[in-house]
Amino acid sequence: MFFKSITLKGVLITLLLLVSASGQNNRFNEEMESLLQDSFFISCNSGIKVYNLTKKAELFSRDKHKLMNPASNMKVITTIAGLVYLGPEYTFNTGIGYRGKIENGELIGDIIIRGGCDPDFKLDSLFKIVEVIKNAGIKKITGGVLVDVSRKDSLFWGEGWMWDDDGAVTSPFMSALNINGNYVTVTVSPDANGGEPIVTTSPVTKFFNIQNDATTGAGSTNLKVWRDYLGRTNTIFVKGNINRTTQAQVYYFNVWRPELYMAELVKEKLASAGIQTKGANGVIDPGYEYQKIYEFKHAYKNLITPLNKRSDNLYAEMMLLALGGKSREKNISFADGKKYIDSVIAWAGKNPGGFRIADGSGVSRYSTVSTDLLVALISKLYYDGGDLFNIFYNSLPIAGVDGTLANRMKNTVCYNNVRAKTGSLSGVSTLTGYVKGKSGDMLAFSILMQNFTGSAAKARAFQDKICELITLYN
């Protein structure tokens, strides 16, 4: 009798839990459907999928198979492909060496920098280059600084990148040799004596030709500053007026021919250390003799976090080229890397032929994916990725804390909980990642929105609300 009582009690508790769970699930679906009735969604296309990874059950979907532009959610696919097919220990290498011979401290030849598609080569590495050249006993150089960019093909932008995005740091020109994110900072300050404004670049370099036709005056500030993107040169134009009492104005521009930018920065850094180069800088053809004196190495495991948290387009495209490097060592194309994007889609159990992948970063207007695919990928990594999942999970922006989610979902149940990759293009806003529900279950979700006008703030607000509902009712 006691056994029957306990059994009956257990059954009743189980039933109550099931009823409660069912009620929560119904409430979640009702809240989601109500939210999606907003007039915003009349013109805006949206694909949504929510999946309970703990219980292995789909919780909600809306047009999950509809193809849409992923914007920077493309980086979800690229970074997972990098983890699966290259591994976190993969390194981007940049070689420093010379051709010719060293006699009595003079290099009768050229300094050579071999590009390995490293997106993380920083300005402070220039000091290391000077150090290793000094340590090689070189005090004078009869030649110049030559760059080897043969590892990558000559295409400097991805398929479907927009010409009128030129000038923006989010559309960097890409090369086998990259420096400082392939951008320059231009600062325009008023002249104390009312003359033409003071224009400086960071880093300070003679690589840029400054055409300063602006004035400092009492009138309003109406500066126009741009890089000569139509002529594909590194001339910086400064026009208009800056008020004499205003603060300095700061602008950022991508750099045309980043490999030559690096060569000039190296030459200037050598000169500042007393090592003069007499020859011209340039690009060297393959087939030369080379004496390596140093190699910079940056591991993918250390780059995936800035890639995803900052949504760095250069990092993502170099990752795509690194994937392509599995098939060839020279003249690697973006198409070579895309083969491995197809492979990771198949690894997640989906047909690569059902999607179009145009680049690795999501800048392209040509790419089309679905929320079903994105959730399949992050779910596969969760179940089968082992340590790779932890690396990917920790690389994602955290709601209200850091990265591109630093200012979103504060003071909500999503704070410090949602880990997700954002995406944004004109008329496109996306969000894909993970969140722990109030039940403790791990949930995967993807939200793709496109074809809206005006600011993306409203689209992001709906995404944030959806994340709240996912967390509260699951």
Protein backbone atom coordinates (compact mmCIF):
# COMPACT_ATOMS: atom_id res chain seq x y z
CA MET A 1 0.00 0.00 0.00
CA PHE A 2 2.89 2.32 0.90
CA PHE A 3 4.64 1.45 -2.39
CA LYS A 4 1.47 2.25 -4.36
CA SER A 5 1.14 5.57 -2.53
CA ILE A 6 4.71 6.58 -3.36
CA THR A 7 4.29 5.47 -6.98
CA LEU A 8 1.05 7.40 -7.33
CA LYS A 9 2.66 10.47 -5.78
CA GLY A 10 5.58 10.19 -8.22
CA VAL A 11 3.24 9.89 -11.17
CA LEU A 12 1.29 12.95 -10.03
CA ILE A 13 4.50 15.00 -9.67
CA THR A 14 5.62 13.89 -13.12
CA LEU A 15 2.27 14.83 -14.61
CA LEU A 16 2.37 18.22 -12.90
CA LEU A 17 5.84 18.86 -14.27
CA LEU A 18 4.76 17.85 -17.76
CA VAL A 19 1.68 20.07 -17.56
CA SER A 20 3.83 22.95 -16.28
CA ALA A 21 6.37 22.44 -19.07
CA SER A 22 3.61 22.23 -21.63
CA GLY A 23 2.10 25.42 -20.25
CA GLN A 24 5.43 27.20 -20.42
CA ASN A 25 5.93 26.03 -23.98
CA ASN A 26 2.44 27.20 -24.98
CA ARG A 27 3.07 30.55 -23.31
CA PHE A 28 6.37 30.88 -25.17
CA ASN A 29 4.75 30.18 -28.54
CA GLU A 30 1.89 32.58 -27.77
CA GLU A 31 4.30 35.35 -26.78
CA MET A 32 6.43 34.77 -29.86
CA GLU A 33 3.45 34.77 -32.22
CA SER A 34 2.12 37.92 -30.60
CA LEU A 35 5.46 39.66 -30.97
CA LEU A 36 5.69 38.73 -34.64
CA GLN A 37 2.31 40.31 -35.36
CA ASP A 38 3.90 43.74 -35.15
CA SER A 39 3.56 45.84 -38.30
CA PHE A 40 7.37 45.83 -38.60
CA PHE A 41 7.15 42.28 -39.92
CA ILE A 42 4.73 43.15 -42.73
CA SER A 43 7.60 44.28 -44.92
CA CYS A 44 10.56 42.82 -43.03
CA ASN A 45 11.32 39.19 -43.81
CA SER A 46 12.38 37.19 -40.79
CA GLY A 47 13.60 33.67 -40.22
CA ILE A 48 13.73 32.30 -36.67
CA LYS A 49 14.68 28.98 -35.14
CA VAL A 50 15.01 28.10 -31.45
CA TYR A 51 16.32 24.68 -30.42
CA ASN A 52 16.70 23.09 -26.96
CA LEU A 53 20.15 21.49 -27.02
CA THR A 54 19.64 19.83 -23.65
CA LYS A 55 16.38 18.13 -24.59
CA LYS A 56 17.18 17.86 -28.31
CA ALA A 57 13.89 19.44 -29.31
CA GLU A 58 12.87 22.28 -31.59
CA LEU A 59 11.01 24.91 -29.59
CA PHE A 60 9.97 27.42 -32.21
CA SER A 61 10.50 28.25 -35.85
CA ARG A 62 9.28 30.76 -38.39
CA ASP A 63 10.45 30.46 -42.02
CA LYS A 64 13.50 28.53 -40.82
CA HIS A 65 14.31 27.33 -44.34
CA LYS A 66 13.89 30.73 -46.00
CA LEU A 67 17.14 31.95 -47.51
CA MET A 68 18.35 35.33 -46.28
CA ASN A 69 21.51 37.37 -46.14
CA PRO A 70 23.44 36.49 -42.96
CA ALA A 71 25.51 39.70 -42.77
CA SER A 72 28.21 39.00 -40.15
CA ASN A 73 26.47 35.82 -39.03
CA MET A 74 28.52 34.45 -41.92
CA LYS A 75 31.41 34.55 -39.45
CA VAL A 76 29.66 31.80 -37.47
CA ILE A 77 30.15 29.47 -40.43
CA THR A 78 33.69 30.62 -41.22
CA THR A 79 35.00 30.41 -37.66
CA ILE A 80 33.50 26.96 -37.10
CA ALA A 81 35.02 25.76 -40.38
CA GLY A 82 38.37 27.10 -39.19
CA LEU A 83 38.11 25.19 -35.92
CA VAL A 84 37.02 21.96 -37.57
CA TYR A 85 39.42 21.86 -40.53
CA LEU A 86 42.45 23.81 -39.31
CA GLY A 87 42.20 23.52 -35.54
CA PRO A 88 42.90 26.13 -32.87
CA GLU A 89 46.68 25.66 -33.11
CA TYR A 90 46.86 26.73 -36.75
CA THR A 91 49.24 29.68 -37.13
CA PHE A 92 49.40 32.61 -39.53
CA ASN A 93 53.08 33.16 -40.34
CA THR A 94 54.94 36.23 -41.60
CA GLY A 95 58.59 35.75 -42.56
CA ILE A 96 61.35 38.37 -42.32
CA GLY A 97 64.55 37.84 -44.29
CA TYR A 98 66.76 39.11 -47.05
CA ARG A 99 68.30 38.30 -50.38
CA GLY A 100 71.91 39.11 -51.21
CA LYS A 101 74.88 39.10 -48.84
CA ILE A 102 76.02 40.98 -45.77
CA GLU A 103 79.51 42.52 -45.87
CA ASN A 104 80.88 44.69 -43.07
CA GLY A 105 77.39 45.48 -41.78
CA GLU A 106 76.01 46.33 -45.23
CA LEU A 107 73.31 44.24 -46.85
CA ILE A 108 74.06 44.19 -50.55
CA GLY A 109 70.52 43.25 -51.45
CA ASP A 110 66.99 43.71 -50.17
CA ILE A 111 64.96 43.11 -47.03
CA ILE A 112 62.10 40.73 -47.83
CA ILE A 113 58.82 40.30 -45.97
CA ARG A 114 56.90 37.12 -46.81
CA GLY A 115 53.17 37.38 -46.33
CA GLY A 116 51.18 34.55 -44.81
CA CYS A 117 47.73 36.20 -44.77
CA ASP A 118 48.12 37.17 -41.11
CA PRO A 119 45.32 39.57 -40.09
CA ASP A 120 46.87 40.32 -36.70
CA PHE A 121 50.14 42.00 -37.67
CA LYS A 122 50.28 45.09 -35.45
CA LEU A 123 52.33 48.27 -35.52
CA ASP A 124 54.37 47.20 -32.49
CA SER A 125 55.71 44.29 -34.56
CA LEU A 126 57.67 46.86 -36.58
CA PHE A 127 59.99 47.29 -33.60
CA LYS A 128 60.67 43.54 -33.64
CA ILE A 129 61.51 43.72 -37.35
CA VAL A 130 64.10 46.41 -36.67
CA GLU A 131 65.50 44.37 -33.79
CA VAL A 132 65.98 41.17 -35.82
CA ILE A 133 67.54 43.08 -38.73
CA LYS A 134 70.00 44.69 -36.32
CA ASN A 135 70.73 41.31 -34.75
CA ALA A 136 71.54 39.97 -38.21
CA GLY A 137 74.37 42.50 -38.32
CA ILE A 138 72.74 44.77 -40.89
CA LYS A 139 73.50 48.47 -40.54
CA LYS A 140 72.98 49.64 -44.13
CA ILE A 141 70.90 48.29 -47.01
CA THR A 142 71.76 48.91 -50.67
CA GLY A 143 68.33 47.76 -51.84
CA GLY A 144 64.83 48.35 -50.52
CA VAL A 145 62.04 46.63 -48.63
CA LEU A 146 60.37 44.09 -50.90
CA VAL A 147 57.17 42.22 -50.11
CA ASP A 148 56.20 38.72 -51.21
CA VAL A 149 52.42 38.47 -51.51
CA SER A 150 52.36 35.35 -53.67
CA ARG A 151 50.48 33.29 -51.10
CA LYS A 152 47.24 35.08 -52.05
CA ASP A 153 45.73 35.84 -55.44
CA SER A 154 45.32 39.42 -56.66
CA LEU A 155 41.64 39.92 -55.73
CA PHE A 156 41.55 42.51 -52.97
CA TRP A 157 37.82 42.33 -52.12
CA GLY A 158 35.29 39.55 -51.71
CA GLU A 159 32.59 38.65 -54.20
CA GLY A 160 29.62 40.97 -53.89
CA TRP A 161 31.37 43.70 -51.90
CA MET A 162 29.95 47.13 -52.71
CA TRP A 163 32.11 49.69 -54.54
CA ASP A 164 30.62 52.58 -52.58
CA ASP A 165 31.81 51.03 -49.31
CA ASP A 166 35.36 51.89 -50.37
CA GLY A 167 37.00 54.14 -47.83
CA ALA A 168 35.35 52.40 -44.88
CA VAL A 169 37.53 50.38 -42.51
CA THR A 170 34.84 47.67 -42.57
CA SER A 171 35.78 47.06 -46.22
CA PRO A 172 39.55 46.61 -45.91
CA PHE A 173 41.66 45.94 -48.98
CA MET A 174 43.09 42.48 -48.47
CA SER A 175 46.54 41.13 -49.14
CA ALA A 176 48.86 38.36 -48.09
CA LEU A 177 50.51 41.12 -46.03
CA ASN A 178 48.29 43.14 -43.71
CA ILE A 179 49.28 45.78 -41.18
CA ASN A 180 47.29 47.56 -38.46
CA GLY A 181 43.98 46.25 -39.85
CA ASN A 182 44.83 47.90 -43.21
CA TYR A 183 43.46 51.25 -42.10
CA VAL A 184 44.78 54.67 -41.11
CA THR A 185 43.53 57.23 -38.59
CA VAL A 186 43.40 60.85 -39.80
CA THR A 187 43.08 63.66 -37.26
CA VAL A 188 42.20 67.24 -38.23
CA SER A 189 42.87 69.90 -35.56
CA PRO A 190 42.20 73.66 -35.68
CA ASP A 191 45.24 75.90 -36.09
CA ALA A 192 45.69 78.25 -33.14
CA ASN A 193 46.69 81.08 -35.44
CA GLY A 194 43.75 80.65 -37.80
CA GLY A 195 45.73 79.05 -40.61
CA GLU A 196 44.96 75.81 -42.38
CA PRO A 197 44.08 72.97 -39.99
CA ILE A 198 46.75 70.58 -38.75
CA VAL A 199 46.31 67.17 -40.38
CA THR A 200 48.11 64.15 -38.94
CA THR A 201 47.97 60.43 -39.57
CA SER A 202 48.36 57.56 -37.14
CA PRO A 203 50.70 55.92 -37.68
CA VAL A 204 52.84 58.89 -38.70
CA THR A 205 54.09 58.08 -42.20
CA LYS A 206 54.90 59.62 -45.57
CA PHE A 207 52.87 56.91 -47.30
CA PHE A 208 49.84 59.20 -47.58
CA ASN A 209 49.63 62.32 -49.71
CA ILE A 210 47.67 64.95 -47.76
CA GLN A 211 45.82 67.54 -49.85
CA ASN A 212 44.80 70.09 -47.23
CA ASP A 213 42.56 72.83 -48.64
CA ALA A 214 40.61 73.41 -45.41
CA THR A 215 40.50 76.49 -43.21
CA THR A 216 40.36 77.32 -39.51
CA GLY A 217 37.79 79.98 -38.84
CA ALA A 218 35.01 81.33 -36.64
CA GLY A 219 32.29 79.66 -38.67
CA SER A 220 30.75 76.27 -38.11
CA THR A 221 32.73 73.09 -38.65
CA ASN A 222 31.83 71.56 -42.01
CA LEU A 223 34.87 69.47 -42.85
CA LYS A 224 34.86 66.94 -45.65
CA VAL A 225 37.65 64.39 -45.37
CA TRP A 226 38.07 61.38 -47.62
CA ARG A 227 40.59 59.06 -49.22
CA ASP A 228 40.78 59.11 -53.01
CA TYR A 229 38.75 55.94 -53.47
CA LEU A 230 37.65 56.77 -57.03
CA GLY A 231 41.25 57.10 -58.19
CA ARG A 232 42.41 54.18 -56.05
CA THR A 233 45.22 56.18 -54.46
CA ASN A 234 46.23 56.95 -50.89
CA THR A 235 45.71 60.68 -51.24
CA ILE A 236 43.73 62.14 -48.34
CA PHE A 237 41.62 65.19 -49.20
CA VAL A 238 40.67 67.71 -46.50
CA LYS A 239 38.23 70.48 -47.40
CA GLY A 240 35.84 72.83 -45.59
CA ASN A 241 36.20 74.68 -42.32
CA ILE A 242 36.94 73.71 -38.74
CA ASN A 243 35.94 76.11 -35.98
CA ARG A 244 38.96 77.39 -34.07
CA THR A 245 37.41 76.39 -30.71
CA THR A 246 36.28 72.91 -31.66
CA GLN A 247 37.93 69.65 -30.71
CA ALA A 248 40.02 67.66 -33.14
CA GLN A 249 38.01 65.64 -35.66
CA VAL A 250 39.02 62.01 -36.18
CA TYR A 251 38.44 59.92 -39.32
CA TYR A 252 39.29 56.36 -40.31
CA PHE A 253 40.00 55.07 -43.82
CA ASN A 254 40.98 51.80 -45.41
CA VAL A 255 44.36 51.74 -47.17
CA TRP A 256 44.94 50.95 -50.82
CA ARG A 257 47.79 48.42 -51.38
CA PRO A 258 48.35 47.44 -47.74
CA GLU A 259 51.43 45.40 -48.66
CA LEU A 260 53.19 48.58 -49.88
CA TYR A 261 51.91 50.36 -46.77
CA MET A 262 53.75 47.78 -44.69
CA ALA A 263 56.90 48.10 -46.78
CA GLU A 264 56.95 51.89 -46.28
CA LEU A 265 56.33 51.59 -42.53
CA VAL A 266 59.21 49.12 -42.22
CA LYS A 267 61.50 51.38 -44.26
CA GLU A 268 60.61 54.39 -42.11
CA LYS A 269 61.07 52.43 -38.88
CA LEU A 270 64.48 51.23 -40.06
CA ALA A 271 65.46 54.82 -40.91
CA SER A 272 64.43 56.04 -37.47
CA ALA A 273 66.76 53.37 -36.04
CA GLY A 274 69.63 54.59 -38.20
CA ILE A 275 69.40 51.89 -40.87
CA GLN A 276 69.08 53.50 -44.29
CA THR A 277 67.69 51.75 -47.36
CA LYS A 278 68.87 53.10 -50.71
CA GLY A 279 66.60 51.16 -53.04
CA ALA A 280 62.90 51.41 -53.80
CA ASN A 281 60.16 49.43 -52.11
CA GLY A 282 58.08 47.02 -54.17
CA VAL A 283 56.56 43.60 -54.72
CA ILE A 284 58.97 40.77 -55.44
CA ASP A 285 58.23 37.99 -57.89
CA PRO A 286 58.54 34.38 -56.66
CA GLY A 287 61.69 32.42 -57.37
CA TYR A 288 64.21 34.48 -55.43
CA GLU A 289 66.79 33.17 -52.95
CA TYR A 290 65.83 33.96 -49.38
CA GLN A 291 67.60 33.91 -46.05
CA LYS A 292 65.02 33.89 -43.25
CA ILE A 293 66.00 35.64 -40.03
CA TYR A 294 62.67 35.65 -38.16
CA GLU A 295 59.08 34.47 -38.40
CA PHE A 296 56.05 35.99 -36.70
CA LYS A 297 53.40 33.43 -35.70
CA HIS A 298 49.85 34.11 -34.55
CA ALA A 299 47.68 31.16 -33.52
CA TYR A 300 44.05 30.95 -34.61
CA LYS A 301 42.96 30.19 -31.03
CA ASN A 302 44.11 33.70 -30.09
CA LEU A 303 42.43 35.38 -33.07
CA ILE A 304 38.94 33.84 -33.00
CA THR A 305 37.90 35.97 -30.02
CA PRO A 306 38.69 39.39 -31.56
CA LEU A 307 37.30 38.06 -34.84
CA ASN A 308 33.87 37.34 -33.36
CA LYS A 309 33.65 39.90 -30.57
CA ARG A 310 34.70 42.78 -32.83
CA SER A 311 33.14 41.22 -35.92
CA ASP A 312 36.39 41.85 -37.76
CA ASN A 313 35.99 41.43 -41.51
CA LEU A 314 39.71 41.24 -42.28
CA TYR A 315 40.21 38.44 -39.75
CA ALA A 316 37.31 36.47 -41.21
CA GLU A 317 38.52 36.78 -44.81
CA MET A 318 42.05 35.76 -43.84
CA MET A 319 40.52 32.73 -42.10
CA LEU A 320 38.79 31.84 -45.37
CA LEU A 321 42.15 32.07 -47.17
CA ALA A 322 43.78 29.94 -44.47
CA LEU A 323 41.19 27.26 -45.22
CA GLY A 324 42.04 27.56 -48.90
CA GLY A 325 45.67 27.04 -47.94
CA LYS A 326 44.86 23.42 -47.15
CA SER A 327 44.63 22.85 -50.92
CA ARG A 328 47.47 25.04 -52.22
CA GLU A 329 50.41 27.06 -50.95
CA LYS A 330 50.45 29.91 -53.49
CA ASN A 331 47.91 32.11 -55.24
CA ILE A 332 45.15 31.08 -52.82
CA SER A 333 41.72 32.40 -53.74
CA PHE A 334 38.57 32.95 -51.73
CA ALA A 335 37.03 30.19 -53.86
CA ASP A 336 39.62 27.76 -52.47
CA GLY A 337 38.42 28.53 -48.96
CA LYS A 338 34.75 28.26 -49.85
CA LYS A 339 35.22 24.55 -50.56
CA TYR A 340 35.73 24.05 -46.84
CA ILE A 341 32.68 26.14 -46.04
CA ASP A 342 30.73 23.65 -48.16
CA SER A 343 32.40 20.83 -46.23
CA VAL A 344 31.43 22.21 -42.82
CA ILE A 345 27.84 22.67 -44.02
CA ALA A 346 27.81 18.99 -45.01
CA TRP A 347 29.40 18.14 -41.62
CA ALA A 348 26.37 19.75 -39.99
CA GLY A 349 24.08 17.48 -42.04
CA LYS A 350 22.92 20.05 -44.60
CA ASN A 351 23.23 20.18 -48.39
CA PRO A 352 25.78 22.85 -49.43
CA GLY A 353 23.98 23.21 -52.75
CA GLY A 354 21.01 24.72 -50.94
CA PHE A 355 22.91 27.86 -49.94
CA ARG A 356 25.12 30.48 -51.54
CA ILE A 357 28.37 31.49 -49.88
CA ALA A 358 30.13 34.50 -51.40
CA ASP A 359 32.69 35.48 -48.74
CA GLY A 360 33.87 34.66 -45.24
CA SER A 361 32.87 37.78 -43.35
CA GLY A 362 29.32 38.59 -44.44
CA VAL A 363 30.12 41.87 -46.19
CA SER A 364 28.82 40.42 -49.46
CA ARG A 365 25.26 41.01 -50.59
CA TYR A 366 25.32 37.70 -52.48
CA SER A 367 25.37 35.18 -49.62
CA THR A 368 22.14 33.41 -48.62
CA VAL A 369 21.71 31.01 -45.69
CA SER A 370 18.90 29.98 -43.35
CA THR A 371 18.34 29.93 -39.61
CA ASP A 372 17.96 26.16 -39.90
CA LEU A 373 21.52 25.93 -41.23
CA LEU A 374 23.00 28.23 -38.59
CA VAL A 375 21.32 26.38 -35.74
CA ALA A 376 22.41 23.05 -37.24
CA LEU A 377 26.03 24.24 -37.26
CA ILE A 378 26.16 25.58 -33.72
CA SER A 379 24.25 22.52 -32.49
CA LYS A 380 26.67 20.12 -34.20
CA LEU A 381 29.59 21.96 -32.61
CA TYR A 382 27.88 21.76 -29.20
CA TYR A 383 27.31 18.02 -29.46
CA ASP A 384 30.44 16.87 -31.29
CA GLY A 385 32.98 19.68 -31.10
CA GLY A 386 34.46 18.89 -27.69
CA ASP A 387 36.97 21.59 -26.74
CA LEU A 388 36.28 23.36 -30.04
CA PHE A 389 32.83 24.25 -28.75
CA ASN A 390 34.29 25.98 -25.70
CA ILE A 391 36.66 28.02 -27.86
CA PHE A 392 33.82 29.10 -30.14
CA TYR A 393 31.38 29.75 -27.28
CA ASN A 394 33.90 31.92 -25.43
CA SER A 395 34.66 33.90 -28.59
CA LEU A 396 31.09 35.15 -28.94
CA PRO A 397 29.97 38.58 -27.69
CA ILE A 398 28.26 38.49 -24.29
CA ALA A 399 24.99 40.39 -23.85
CA GLY A 400 25.51 43.64 -21.94
CA VAL A 401 29.17 42.83 -21.31
CA ASP A 402 31.46 42.98 -24.33
CA GLY A 403 31.95 42.95 -28.07
CA THR A 404 29.13 43.97 -30.37
CA LEU A 405 26.60 43.06 -27.65
CA ALA A 406 28.16 45.30 -24.98
CA ASN A 407 25.27 47.77 -25.04
CA ARG A 408 22.42 45.35 -25.62
CA MET A 409 20.11 43.43 -23.26
CA LYS A 410 21.36 45.15 -20.10
CA ASN A 411 18.98 44.91 -17.11
CA THR A 412 17.29 41.82 -18.59
CA VAL A 413 17.46 38.08 -17.95
CA CYS A 414 19.77 37.92 -20.97
CA TYR A 415 22.50 39.99 -19.34
CA ASN A 416 25.76 38.03 -19.14
CA ASN A 417 23.84 35.04 -20.46
CA VAL A 418 23.27 35.35 -24.21
CA ARG A 419 26.38 34.53 -26.23
CA ALA A 420 25.73 35.43 -29.84
CA LYS A 421 27.18 36.72 -33.10
CA THR A 422 25.61 39.90 -34.41
CA GLY A 423 25.30 40.90 -38.06
CA SER A 424 24.43 44.15 -39.76
CA LEU A 425 24.20 45.53 -43.28
CA SER A 426 21.88 48.18 -44.63
CA GLY A 427 18.43 46.62 -44.31
CA VAL A 428 19.81 43.45 -42.69
CA SER A 429 20.15 42.56 -39.00
CA THR A 430 20.98 39.11 -37.62
CA LEU A 431 21.77 37.32 -34.36
CA THR A 432 22.83 33.70 -33.82
CA GLY A 433 24.08 31.99 -30.68
CA TYR A 434 23.33 30.37 -27.35
CA VAL A 435 21.49 31.16 -24.13
CA LYS A 436 20.68 29.25 -20.93
CA GLY A 437 16.97 29.17 -20.16
CA LYS A 438 15.57 29.66 -16.67
CA SER A 439 15.26 25.87 -16.50
CA GLY A 440 19.02 25.57 -16.92
CA ASP A 441 18.72 24.06 -20.39
CA MET A 442 21.17 25.19 -23.07
CA LEU A 443 19.34 26.68 -26.04
CA ALA A 444 20.52 27.54 -29.56
CA PHE A 445 18.84 30.19 -31.68
CA SER A 446 19.18 32.11 -34.91
CA ILE A 447 17.30 35.21 -36.04
CA LEU A 448 17.72 36.63 -39.56
CA MET A 449 15.92 39.84 -40.53
CA GLN A 450 16.11 41.67 -43.83
CA ASN A 451 14.28 44.15 -46.07
CA PHE A 452 13.54 46.89 -43.58
CA THR A 453 14.22 50.60 -43.98
CA GLY A 454 15.86 53.08 -41.67
CA SER A 455 17.91 52.29 -38.60
CA ALA A 456 18.49 48.70 -37.52
CA ALA A 457 17.68 49.70 -33.93
CA LYS A 458 14.12 48.42 -34.20
CA ALA A 459 15.22 45.08 -35.61
CA ARG A 460 17.77 44.71 -32.81
CA ALA A 461 15.10 45.57 -30.23
CA PHE A 462 12.92 42.72 -31.53
CA GLN A 463 15.89 40.35 -31.44
CA ASP A 464 16.59 41.32 -27.84
CA LYS A 465 12.95 40.74 -26.90
CA ILE A 466 12.98 37.34 -28.58
CA CYS A 467 16.07 36.43 -26.55
CA GLU A 468 14.22 37.46 -23.39
CA LEU A 469 11.25 35.26 -24.27
CA ILE A 470 13.52 32.32 -25.08
CA THR A 471 15.21 32.67 -21.70
CA LEU A 472 12.09 33.24 -19.59
CA TYR A 473 9.90 30.45 -20.94
CA ASN A 474 12.40 27.64 -21.46
